[in-house]
């Protein structure tokens, strides 16, 4: 088990398409907000963790899955992010990824 409070978490080997089965909740307007995780999946984005990923936040969640609610980051000062990106990089990547709120 890994903890993104402590460092980078790579889920590339364990994530699968079944993980998207929760789409039924927000496609039926039961979810107004999703918090992104500081996890990395090279199958979804070869460069950035989900919180900072345009591929995840805009292409996957918004365009492919049709999520229309609010996307919020987890704490951007957690080690998984702060050990790899400076504050300016973090803010720029997060905003450009398509999230609505930054923590």
N, C-alpha and C. Protein backbone atom coordinates (compact mmCIF):
# COMPACT_ATOMS: atom_id res chain seq x y z
N UNK A 1 0.85 -1.17 0.00
CA UNK A 1 0.00 0.00 0.00
C UNK A 1 0.90 1.24 0.00
N UNK A 2 0.50 2.25 -0.74
CA UNK A 2 1.28 3.48 -0.83
C UNK A 2 0.44 4.66 -0.33
N UNK A 3 1.13 5.71 0.05
CA UNK A 3 0.47 6.89 0.61
C UNK A 3 1.01 8.14 -0.06
N UNK A 4 0.17 8.85 -0.81
CA UNK A 4 0.62 10.04 -1.53
C UNK A 4 0.92 11.21 -0.60
N UNK A 5 0.58 11.07 0.68
CA UNK A 5 1.01 12.08 1.66
C UNK A 5 2.53 12.01 1.82
N UNK A 6 3.07 10.83 1.58
CA UNK A 6 4.49 10.59 1.81
C UNK A 6 5.34 10.63 0.55
N UNK A 7 4.74 10.37 -0.60
CA UNK A 7 5.51 10.36 -1.84
C UNK A 7 4.69 9.95 -3.04
N UNK A 8 5.38 9.76 -4.15
CA UNK A 8 4.77 9.45 -5.43
C UNK A 8 4.16 8.05 -5.42
N UNK A 9 2.96 7.89 -5.95
CA UNK A 9 2.28 6.60 -5.99
C UNK A 9 1.99 6.26 -7.45
N UNK A 10 2.54 5.15 -7.92
CA UNK A 10 2.34 4.71 -9.30
C UNK A 10 1.36 3.54 -9.30
N UNK A 11 0.21 3.74 -9.96
CA UNK A 11 -0.81 2.69 -10.02
C UNK A 11 -0.91 2.07 -11.41
N UNK A 12 0.09 2.29 -12.24
CA UNK A 12 0.07 1.82 -13.63
C UNK A 12 -0.17 0.32 -13.74
N UNK A 13 0.36 -0.46 -12.82
CA UNK A 13 0.26 -1.92 -12.89
C UNK A 13 -1.04 -2.45 -12.28
N UNK A 14 -1.70 -1.67 -11.45
CA UNK A 14 -2.87 -2.18 -10.73
C UNK A 14 -4.20 -1.63 -11.22
N UNK A 15 -4.20 -0.50 -11.89
CA UNK A 15 -5.44 0.12 -12.37
C UNK A 15 -5.96 -0.63 -13.58
N UNK A 16 -7.28 -0.72 -13.73
CA UNK A 16 -7.85 -1.32 -14.93
C UNK A 16 -9.14 -0.61 -15.31
N UNK A 17 -9.68 -0.96 -16.45
CA UNK A 17 -10.87 -0.30 -16.98
C UNK A 17 -12.07 -0.42 -16.04
N UNK A 18 -12.13 -1.48 -15.24
CA UNK A 18 -13.23 -1.65 -14.29
C UNK A 18 -13.28 -0.53 -13.27
N UNK A 19 -12.16 0.14 -13.08
CA UNK A 19 -12.11 1.26 -12.13
C UNK A 19 -13.04 2.38 -12.55
N UNK A 20 -13.42 2.41 -13.80
CA UNK A 20 -14.31 3.45 -14.30
C UNK A 20 -15.78 3.11 -14.12
N UNK A 21 -16.09 1.97 -13.51
CA UNK A 21 -17.48 1.53 -13.38
C UNK A 21 -18.33 2.46 -12.51
N UNK A 22 -17.72 3.33 -11.74
CA UNK A 22 -18.48 4.27 -10.90
C UNK A 22 -19.10 5.40 -11.71
N UNK A 23 -18.87 5.40 -13.02
CA UNK A 23 -19.43 6.46 -13.86
C UNK A 23 -20.95 6.51 -13.77
N UNK A 24 -21.58 5.41 -13.42
CA UNK A 24 -23.04 5.41 -13.30
C UNK A 24 -23.53 6.45 -12.29
N UNK A 25 -22.74 6.72 -11.25
CA UNK A 25 -23.15 7.68 -10.23
C UNK A 25 -23.21 9.10 -10.78
N UNK A 26 -22.19 9.53 -11.49
CA UNK A 26 -22.23 10.92 -11.96
C UNK A 26 -22.95 11.07 -13.28
N UNK A 27 -23.13 10.01 -14.03
CA UNK A 27 -23.93 10.11 -15.25
C UNK A 27 -25.41 10.26 -14.88
N UNK A 28 -25.76 9.86 -13.68
CA UNK A 28 -27.13 10.01 -13.20
C UNK A 28 -27.27 11.20 -12.26
N UNK A 29 -26.35 12.16 -12.38
CA UNK A 29 -26.37 13.39 -11.59
C UNK A 29 -26.34 13.15 -10.09
N UNK A 30 -25.66 12.11 -9.65
CA UNK A 30 -25.56 11.83 -8.22
C UNK A 30 -24.25 12.33 -7.63
N UNK A 31 -23.33 12.79 -8.47
CA UNK A 31 -22.04 13.29 -8.01
C UNK A 31 -21.83 14.70 -8.55
N UNK A 32 -21.64 15.64 -7.63
CA UNK A 32 -21.42 17.03 -8.03
C UNK A 32 -19.95 17.39 -8.06
N UNK A 33 -19.11 16.61 -7.37
CA UNK A 33 -17.70 16.96 -7.25
C UNK A 33 -16.85 15.69 -7.19
N UNK A 34 -15.69 15.75 -7.83
CA UNK A 34 -14.71 14.68 -7.74
C UNK A 34 -13.39 15.30 -7.30
N UNK A 35 -12.74 14.67 -6.31
CA UNK A 35 -11.40 15.08 -5.91
C UNK A 35 -10.40 14.18 -6.62
N UNK A 36 -9.47 14.80 -7.32
CA UNK A 36 -8.43 14.03 -7.99
C UNK A 36 -7.43 13.50 -6.97
N UNK A 37 -6.71 12.47 -7.38
CA UNK A 37 -5.70 11.88 -6.51
C UNK A 37 -4.31 12.17 -7.08
N UNK A 38 -3.33 12.15 -6.21
CA UNK A 38 -1.94 12.36 -6.62
C UNK A 38 -1.32 11.02 -7.02
N UNK A 39 -1.99 10.30 -7.88
CA UNK A 39 -1.48 9.01 -8.33
C UNK A 39 -1.06 9.11 -9.79
N UNK A 40 -0.08 8.32 -10.15
CA UNK A 40 0.45 8.31 -11.51
C UNK A 40 0.05 7.01 -12.18
N UNK A 41 -0.43 7.11 -13.43
CA UNK A 41 -0.75 5.94 -14.23
C UNK A 41 -0.24 6.20 -15.63
N UNK A 42 0.84 5.54 -15.99
CA UNK A 42 1.45 5.78 -17.30
C UNK A 42 0.54 5.42 -18.46
N UNK A 43 -0.49 4.61 -18.21
CA UNK A 43 -1.44 4.26 -19.26
C UNK A 43 -2.39 5.42 -19.57
N UNK A 44 -2.54 6.34 -18.64
CA UNK A 44 -3.41 7.50 -18.83
C UNK A 44 -2.62 8.76 -19.16
N UNK A 45 -1.45 8.92 -18.57
CA UNK A 45 -0.59 10.08 -18.83
C UNK A 45 0.84 9.67 -18.52
N UNK A 46 1.69 9.76 -19.50
CA UNK A 46 3.08 9.32 -19.35
C UNK A 46 3.94 10.30 -18.56
N UNK A 47 3.43 11.52 -18.30
CA UNK A 47 4.25 12.54 -17.66
C UNK A 47 3.78 13.01 -16.29
N UNK A 48 2.47 13.03 -16.06
CA UNK A 48 1.96 13.70 -14.86
C UNK A 48 1.01 12.83 -14.05
N UNK A 49 0.98 13.05 -12.72
CA UNK A 49 -0.02 12.38 -11.88
C UNK A 49 -1.41 12.96 -12.19
N UNK A 50 -2.44 12.25 -11.82
CA UNK A 50 -3.81 12.63 -12.16
C UNK A 50 -4.15 14.07 -11.81
N UNK A 51 -3.74 14.53 -10.67
CA UNK A 51 -4.06 15.89 -10.22
C UNK A 51 -3.58 16.95 -11.20
N UNK A 52 -2.48 16.69 -11.89
CA UNK A 52 -1.87 17.68 -12.78
C UNK A 52 -2.05 17.33 -14.25
N UNK A 53 -2.86 16.33 -14.54
CA UNK A 53 -2.95 15.76 -15.89
C UNK A 53 -4.15 16.25 -16.70
N UNK A 54 -3.87 16.90 -17.81
CA UNK A 54 -4.91 17.28 -18.76
C UNK A 54 -5.57 16.01 -19.32
N UNK A 55 -4.75 14.99 -19.58
CA UNK A 55 -5.29 13.74 -20.12
C UNK A 55 -6.32 13.11 -19.19
N UNK A 56 -6.08 13.18 -17.91
CA UNK A 56 -7.02 12.59 -16.94
C UNK A 56 -8.20 13.52 -16.69
N UNK A 57 -7.93 14.76 -16.32
CA UNK A 57 -8.99 15.67 -15.88
C UNK A 57 -9.88 16.17 -17.01
N UNK A 58 -9.31 16.48 -18.14
CA UNK A 58 -10.12 16.99 -19.25
C UNK A 58 -10.50 15.89 -20.23
N UNK A 59 -9.52 15.19 -20.76
CA UNK A 59 -9.83 14.19 -21.79
C UNK A 59 -10.64 13.01 -21.23
N UNK A 60 -10.17 12.43 -20.13
CA UNK A 60 -10.86 11.26 -19.58
C UNK A 60 -12.15 11.63 -18.84
N UNK A 61 -12.03 12.43 -17.79
CA UNK A 61 -13.20 12.72 -16.96
C UNK A 61 -14.24 13.58 -17.67
N UNK A 62 -13.82 14.65 -18.30
CA UNK A 62 -14.77 15.58 -18.93
C UNK A 62 -15.26 15.07 -20.29
N UNK A 63 -14.33 14.79 -21.19
CA UNK A 63 -14.71 14.45 -22.56
C UNK A 63 -15.17 13.00 -22.72
N UNK A 64 -14.37 12.05 -22.27
CA UNK A 64 -14.72 10.63 -22.48
C UNK A 64 -15.85 10.15 -21.58
N UNK A 65 -15.82 10.56 -20.30
CA UNK A 65 -16.82 10.08 -19.36
C UNK A 65 -17.97 11.05 -19.14
N UNK A 66 -17.83 12.27 -19.64
CA UNK A 66 -18.93 13.23 -19.58
C UNK A 66 -19.19 13.87 -18.23
N UNK A 67 -18.21 13.86 -17.33
CA UNK A 67 -18.42 14.48 -16.02
C UNK A 67 -18.51 15.99 -16.16
N UNK A 68 -19.59 16.57 -15.62
CA UNK A 68 -19.83 18.00 -15.75
C UNK A 68 -19.70 18.76 -14.43
N UNK A 69 -19.43 18.06 -13.37
CA UNK A 69 -19.35 18.69 -12.05
C UNK A 69 -18.02 19.37 -11.79
N UNK A 70 -17.77 19.64 -10.53
CA UNK A 70 -16.56 20.33 -10.08
C UNK A 70 -15.43 19.31 -9.86
N UNK A 71 -14.26 19.63 -10.40
CA UNK A 71 -13.06 18.84 -10.13
C UNK A 71 -12.19 19.63 -9.17
N UNK A 72 -11.80 19.00 -8.08
CA UNK A 72 -10.98 19.66 -7.07
C UNK A 72 -9.72 18.82 -6.83
N UNK A 73 -8.59 19.49 -6.66
CA UNK A 73 -7.37 18.75 -6.37
C UNK A 73 -7.36 18.34 -4.90
N UNK A 74 -6.55 17.36 -4.61
CA UNK A 74 -6.22 17.09 -3.21
C UNK A 74 -5.17 18.12 -2.81
N UNK A 75 -4.72 18.10 -1.60
CA UNK A 75 -3.74 19.06 -1.08
C UNK A 75 -2.49 19.07 -1.95
N UNK A 76 -2.21 20.19 -2.59
CA UNK A 76 -1.08 20.29 -3.50
C UNK A 76 0.26 20.40 -2.78
N UNK A 77 0.24 20.46 -1.47
CA UNK A 77 1.49 20.49 -0.71
C UNK A 77 1.87 19.11 -0.17
N UNK A 78 1.09 18.10 -0.52
CA UNK A 78 1.45 16.74 -0.13
C UNK A 78 2.74 16.36 -0.85
N UNK A 79 3.49 15.47 -0.25
CA UNK A 79 4.81 15.10 -0.77
C UNK A 79 4.79 14.56 -2.20
N UNK A 80 3.74 13.87 -2.57
CA UNK A 80 3.67 13.32 -3.93
C UNK A 80 3.79 14.41 -4.98
N UNK A 81 3.35 15.60 -4.66
CA UNK A 81 3.44 16.73 -5.59
C UNK A 81 4.62 17.63 -5.23
N UNK A 82 4.70 18.05 -3.99
CA UNK A 82 5.70 19.05 -3.60
C UNK A 82 7.15 18.58 -3.73
N UNK A 83 7.38 17.28 -3.71
CA UNK A 83 8.74 16.77 -3.88
C UNK A 83 9.18 16.75 -5.34
N UNK A 84 8.21 16.89 -6.26
CA UNK A 84 8.52 16.77 -7.69
C UNK A 84 8.32 18.05 -8.48
N UNK A 85 7.52 18.97 -7.96
CA UNK A 85 7.20 20.19 -8.69
C UNK A 85 7.28 21.38 -7.75
N UNK A 86 7.78 22.52 -8.27
CA UNK A 86 7.74 23.72 -7.44
C UNK A 86 6.33 24.30 -7.50
N UNK A 87 6.06 25.30 -6.68
CA UNK A 87 4.70 25.83 -6.56
C UNK A 87 4.18 26.39 -7.88
N UNK A 88 5.01 27.12 -8.60
CA UNK A 88 4.58 27.69 -9.88
C UNK A 88 4.22 26.60 -10.88
N UNK A 89 5.05 25.57 -11.00
CA UNK A 89 4.76 24.45 -11.89
C UNK A 89 3.45 23.77 -11.48
N UNK A 90 3.31 23.53 -10.20
CA UNK A 90 2.13 22.84 -9.68
C UNK A 90 0.86 23.61 -10.02
N UNK A 91 0.85 24.90 -9.74
CA UNK A 91 -0.35 25.70 -10.01
C UNK A 91 -0.65 25.77 -11.49
N UNK A 92 0.37 25.97 -12.30
CA UNK A 92 0.18 26.05 -13.76
C UNK A 92 -0.36 24.75 -14.31
N UNK A 93 0.25 23.63 -13.94
CA UNK A 93 -0.20 22.33 -14.43
C UNK A 93 -1.61 22.01 -13.96
N UNK A 94 -1.90 22.26 -12.71
CA UNK A 94 -3.23 21.95 -12.17
C UNK A 94 -4.31 22.77 -12.87
N UNK A 95 -4.09 24.06 -13.01
CA UNK A 95 -5.08 24.91 -13.67
C UNK A 95 -5.26 24.49 -15.12
N UNK A 96 -4.16 24.25 -15.82
CA UNK A 96 -4.24 23.85 -17.23
C UNK A 96 -4.79 22.45 -17.42
N UNK A 97 -4.80 21.64 -16.37
CA UNK A 97 -5.33 20.28 -16.49
C UNK A 97 -6.86 20.27 -16.56
N UNK A 98 -7.48 21.35 -16.08
CA UNK A 98 -8.93 21.42 -16.15
C UNK A 98 -9.65 21.33 -14.83
N UNK A 99 -8.91 21.33 -13.71
CA UNK A 99 -9.59 21.30 -12.42
C UNK A 99 -10.21 22.67 -12.13
N UNK A 100 -11.23 22.69 -11.30
CA UNK A 100 -11.93 23.92 -10.95
C UNK A 100 -11.45 24.55 -9.66
N UNK A 101 -10.98 23.72 -8.73
CA UNK A 101 -10.56 24.22 -7.41
C UNK A 101 -9.24 23.59 -7.02
N UNK A 102 -8.39 24.41 -6.41
CA UNK A 102 -7.09 23.94 -5.94
C UNK A 102 -7.05 23.96 -4.42
N UNK A 103 -6.52 22.90 -3.83
CA UNK A 103 -6.33 22.86 -2.37
C UNK A 103 -4.86 23.00 -2.05
